[in-house]
């Protein structure tokens, strides 16, 4: 195995919750670790139910800081899945 392990941060946001993940690859083996979870609770804007974008941004920033403190040096794309 290589000593150059790549650690990549991923953010997964779904209809009811989100999570931060670190994917690690050592040249042979890929592993994924969940590092945090957060609620994705919609809010009303007028008469429309929408995602709370400021809260999600804050949670993404928290996950990014945590991932960086755990050695993540790359970031993956953000994927939004429908409920």
N, C-alpha and C. Protein backbone atom coordinates (compact mmCIF):
# COMPACT_ATOMS: atom_id res chain seq x y z
N UNK A 1 0.82 -1.19 0.00
CA UNK A 1 0.00 0.00 0.00
C UNK A 1 0.86 1.25 0.00
N UNK A 2 0.32 2.27 -0.60
CA UNK A 2 1.02 3.55 -0.68
C UNK A 2 0.90 4.32 0.62
N UNK A 3 1.93 5.12 0.96
CA UNK A 3 1.86 5.99 2.12
C UNK A 3 1.10 7.28 1.82
N UNK A 4 0.77 7.52 0.55
CA UNK A 4 0.09 8.74 0.14
C UNK A 4 -1.42 8.53 0.10
N UNK A 5 -2.05 8.55 1.27
CA UNK A 5 -3.48 8.37 1.35
C UNK A 5 -4.18 9.67 0.98
N UNK A 6 -5.14 9.58 0.07
CA UNK A 6 -5.95 10.73 -0.33
C UNK A 6 -7.22 10.72 0.52
N UNK A 7 -7.54 11.84 1.14
CA UNK A 7 -8.78 11.98 1.91
C UNK A 7 -9.62 13.06 1.27
N UNK A 8 -10.87 12.72 0.91
CA UNK A 8 -11.75 13.63 0.22
C UNK A 8 -13.02 13.84 1.03
N UNK A 9 -13.45 15.08 1.17
CA UNK A 9 -14.67 15.42 1.87
C UNK A 9 -15.85 15.35 0.92
N UNK A 10 -16.93 14.78 1.38
CA UNK A 10 -18.18 14.76 0.62
C UNK A 10 -19.32 15.25 1.51
N UNK A 11 -20.28 15.92 0.91
CA UNK A 11 -21.48 16.38 1.61
C UNK A 11 -22.67 15.75 0.91
N UNK A 12 -23.53 15.10 1.66
CA UNK A 12 -24.73 14.44 1.14
C UNK A 12 -25.93 15.13 1.77
N UNK A 13 -26.76 15.77 0.96
CA UNK A 13 -27.94 16.46 1.48
C UNK A 13 -29.19 15.83 0.90
N UNK A 14 -30.04 15.34 1.78
CA UNK A 14 -31.29 14.73 1.36
C UNK A 14 -32.48 15.56 1.82
N UNK A 15 -33.66 15.04 1.60
CA UNK A 15 -34.88 15.76 1.93
C UNK A 15 -35.09 16.00 3.41
N UNK A 16 -34.56 15.15 4.28
CA UNK A 16 -34.77 15.30 5.71
C UNK A 16 -33.51 15.45 6.54
N UNK A 17 -32.37 15.12 5.94
CA UNK A 17 -31.11 15.22 6.69
C UNK A 17 -29.94 15.35 5.74
N UNK A 18 -28.79 15.67 6.32
CA UNK A 18 -27.56 15.75 5.55
C UNK A 18 -26.44 15.14 6.37
N UNK A 19 -25.31 14.93 5.72
CA UNK A 19 -24.17 14.37 6.43
C UNK A 19 -22.88 14.75 5.73
N UNK A 20 -21.83 14.77 6.52
CA UNK A 20 -20.48 14.96 6.01
C UNK A 20 -19.77 13.62 6.01
N UNK A 21 -18.99 13.36 4.98
CA UNK A 21 -18.30 12.09 4.83
C UNK A 21 -16.86 12.33 4.43
N UNK A 22 -15.98 11.45 4.85
CA UNK A 22 -14.61 11.45 4.34
C UNK A 22 -14.39 10.13 3.63
N UNK A 23 -14.02 10.23 2.36
CA UNK A 23 -13.62 9.07 1.59
C UNK A 23 -12.11 9.04 1.54
N UNK A 24 -11.53 7.89 1.83
CA UNK A 24 -10.07 7.74 1.82
C UNK A 24 -9.68 6.69 0.79
N UNK A 25 -8.58 6.96 0.09
CA UNK A 25 -8.05 6.01 -0.88
C UNK A 25 -6.55 5.94 -0.71
N UNK A 26 -6.05 4.73 -0.49
CA UNK A 26 -4.61 4.55 -0.24
C UNK A 26 -3.86 3.96 -1.45
N UNK A 27 -4.53 3.95 -2.59
CA UNK A 27 -3.92 3.37 -3.78
C UNK A 27 -4.46 2.00 -4.09
N UNK A 28 -5.04 1.36 -3.08
CA UNK A 28 -5.62 0.03 -3.25
C UNK A 28 -7.02 -0.08 -2.68
N UNK A 29 -7.26 0.56 -1.56
CA UNK A 29 -8.52 0.39 -0.84
C UNK A 29 -9.23 1.74 -0.68
N UNK A 30 -10.54 1.74 -0.93
CA UNK A 30 -11.39 2.90 -0.74
C UNK A 30 -12.24 2.68 0.51
N UNK A 31 -12.27 3.67 1.40
CA UNK A 31 -13.13 3.56 2.58
C UNK A 31 -13.88 4.88 2.75
N UNK A 32 -15.05 4.80 3.36
CA UNK A 32 -15.89 5.98 3.59
C UNK A 32 -16.28 6.01 5.06
N UNK A 33 -16.14 7.19 5.67
CA UNK A 33 -16.48 7.38 7.08
C UNK A 33 -17.42 8.57 7.21
N UNK A 34 -18.53 8.37 7.90
CA UNK A 34 -19.44 9.48 8.19
C UNK A 34 -18.85 10.27 9.35
N UNK A 35 -18.70 11.59 9.18
CA UNK A 35 -18.09 12.40 10.23
C UNK A 35 -19.10 13.29 10.96
N UNK A 36 -20.25 13.55 10.36
CA UNK A 36 -21.29 14.34 11.04
C UNK A 36 -22.62 14.17 10.34
N UNK A 37 -23.68 14.48 11.07
CA UNK A 37 -25.04 14.47 10.54
C UNK A 37 -25.73 15.75 10.96
N UNK A 38 -26.69 16.18 10.16
CA UNK A 38 -27.48 17.35 10.52
C UNK A 38 -28.87 17.24 9.91
N UNK A 39 -29.82 17.90 10.55
CA UNK A 39 -31.20 17.89 10.10
C UNK A 39 -31.37 18.87 8.93
N UNK A 40 -32.17 18.51 7.98
CA UNK A 40 -32.54 19.40 6.88
C UNK A 40 -34.03 19.66 7.02
N UNK A 41 -34.35 20.64 7.85
CA UNK A 41 -35.75 20.95 8.16
C UNK A 41 -36.21 22.12 7.30
N UNK A 42 -37.20 21.92 6.43
CA UNK A 42 -37.67 23.01 5.58
C UNK A 42 -38.36 24.10 6.40
N UNK A 43 -38.38 25.29 5.83
CA UNK A 43 -39.04 26.44 6.47
C UNK A 43 -40.04 27.04 5.47
N UNK A 44 -40.97 27.81 5.99
CA UNK A 44 -41.92 28.51 5.12
C UNK A 44 -41.37 29.88 4.76
N UNK A 45 -41.41 30.19 3.48
CA UNK A 45 -41.11 31.52 2.96
C UNK A 45 -42.39 31.97 2.28
N UNK A 46 -43.15 32.83 2.97
CA UNK A 46 -44.48 33.15 2.48
C UNK A 46 -45.33 31.89 2.60
N UNK A 47 -45.92 31.47 1.51
CA UNK A 47 -46.73 30.24 1.52
C UNK A 47 -46.00 29.05 0.90
N UNK A 48 -44.69 29.20 0.68
CA UNK A 48 -43.91 28.12 0.07
C UNK A 48 -43.00 27.46 1.11
N UNK A 49 -42.94 26.15 1.07
CA UNK A 49 -42.04 25.38 1.92
C UNK A 49 -40.72 25.21 1.18
N UNK A 50 -39.63 25.72 1.76
CA UNK A 50 -38.32 25.70 1.09
C UNK A 50 -37.26 25.20 2.05
N UNK A 51 -36.11 24.80 1.50
CA UNK A 51 -34.97 24.45 2.34
C UNK A 51 -34.45 25.70 3.03
N UNK A 52 -33.94 25.54 4.22
CA UNK A 52 -33.36 26.64 4.99
C UNK A 52 -31.90 26.80 4.54
N UNK A 53 -31.70 27.55 3.45
CA UNK A 53 -30.38 27.68 2.84
C UNK A 53 -29.32 28.22 3.80
N UNK A 54 -29.61 29.27 4.61
CA UNK A 54 -28.57 29.74 5.54
C UNK A 54 -28.15 28.67 6.55
N UNK A 55 -29.11 27.89 7.05
CA UNK A 55 -28.78 26.83 8.00
C UNK A 55 -27.95 25.74 7.31
N UNK A 56 -28.34 25.37 6.08
CA UNK A 56 -27.58 24.36 5.34
C UNK A 56 -26.16 24.83 5.05
N UNK A 57 -26.03 26.10 4.70
CA UNK A 57 -24.68 26.64 4.46
C UNK A 57 -23.82 26.53 5.73
N UNK A 58 -24.43 26.87 6.87
CA UNK A 58 -23.71 26.78 8.14
C UNK A 58 -23.28 25.34 8.43
N UNK A 59 -24.17 24.38 8.19
CA UNK A 59 -23.85 22.97 8.44
C UNK A 59 -22.77 22.48 7.47
N UNK A 60 -22.81 22.93 6.22
CA UNK A 60 -21.78 22.55 5.24
C UNK A 60 -20.43 23.13 5.66
N UNK A 61 -20.43 24.38 6.14
CA UNK A 61 -19.18 24.97 6.63
C UNK A 61 -18.64 24.21 7.83
N UNK A 62 -19.53 23.81 8.75
CA UNK A 62 -19.10 23.02 9.91
C UNK A 62 -18.49 21.69 9.47
N UNK A 63 -19.15 21.02 8.52
CA UNK A 63 -18.64 19.74 8.02
C UNK A 63 -17.29 19.93 7.32
N UNK A 64 -17.15 21.04 6.61
CA UNK A 64 -15.89 21.33 5.91
C UNK A 64 -14.76 21.54 6.91
N UNK A 65 -15.03 22.32 7.96
CA UNK A 65 -14.01 22.53 8.99
C UNK A 65 -13.63 21.22 9.66
N UNK A 66 -14.64 20.42 10.01
CA UNK A 66 -14.38 19.14 10.66
C UNK A 66 -13.57 18.23 9.73
N UNK A 67 -13.97 18.16 8.47
CA UNK A 67 -13.23 17.33 7.51
C UNK A 67 -11.78 17.76 7.36
N UNK A 68 -11.57 19.08 7.31
CA UNK A 68 -10.20 19.59 7.19
C UNK A 68 -9.38 19.23 8.43
N UNK A 69 -10.02 19.31 9.60
CA UNK A 69 -9.30 18.96 10.84
C UNK A 69 -8.97 17.47 10.91
N UNK A 70 -9.71 16.67 10.13
CA UNK A 70 -9.47 15.22 10.09
C UNK A 70 -8.58 14.82 8.91
N UNK A 71 -8.04 15.81 8.21
CA UNK A 71 -7.07 15.51 7.16
C UNK A 71 -7.59 15.50 5.74
N UNK A 72 -8.87 15.87 5.53
CA UNK A 72 -9.39 15.91 4.15
C UNK A 72 -8.72 17.07 3.41
N UNK A 73 -8.15 16.77 2.26
CA UNK A 73 -7.45 17.79 1.49
C UNK A 73 -8.10 18.04 0.14
N UNK A 74 -9.15 17.30 -0.17
CA UNK A 74 -9.88 17.45 -1.43
C UNK A 74 -11.37 17.51 -1.09
N UNK A 75 -12.17 18.02 -2.02
CA UNK A 75 -13.63 18.06 -1.82
C UNK A 75 -14.31 17.44 -3.03
N UNK A 76 -15.37 16.72 -2.75
CA UNK A 76 -16.17 16.10 -3.81
C UNK A 76 -17.30 17.03 -4.20
N UNK A 77 -17.98 16.71 -5.27
CA UNK A 77 -19.16 17.47 -5.68
C UNK A 77 -20.27 17.31 -4.66
N UNK A 78 -21.17 18.29 -4.65
CA UNK A 78 -22.36 18.18 -3.82
C UNK A 78 -23.46 17.56 -4.66
N UNK A 79 -24.14 16.56 -4.12
CA UNK A 79 -25.25 15.92 -4.80
C UNK A 79 -26.50 16.11 -3.97
N UNK A 80 -27.58 16.51 -4.60
CA UNK A 80 -28.85 16.68 -3.93
C UNK A 80 -29.78 15.59 -4.40
N UNK A 81 -30.31 14.82 -3.48
CA UNK A 81 -31.22 13.75 -3.89
C UNK A 81 -32.64 14.12 -3.46
N UNK A 82 -33.58 13.69 -4.22
CA UNK A 82 -34.98 13.99 -3.93
C UNK A 82 -35.52 12.95 -2.98
N UNK A 83 -36.45 13.38 -2.11
CA UNK A 83 -37.06 12.41 -1.17
C UNK A 83 -37.90 11.39 -1.90
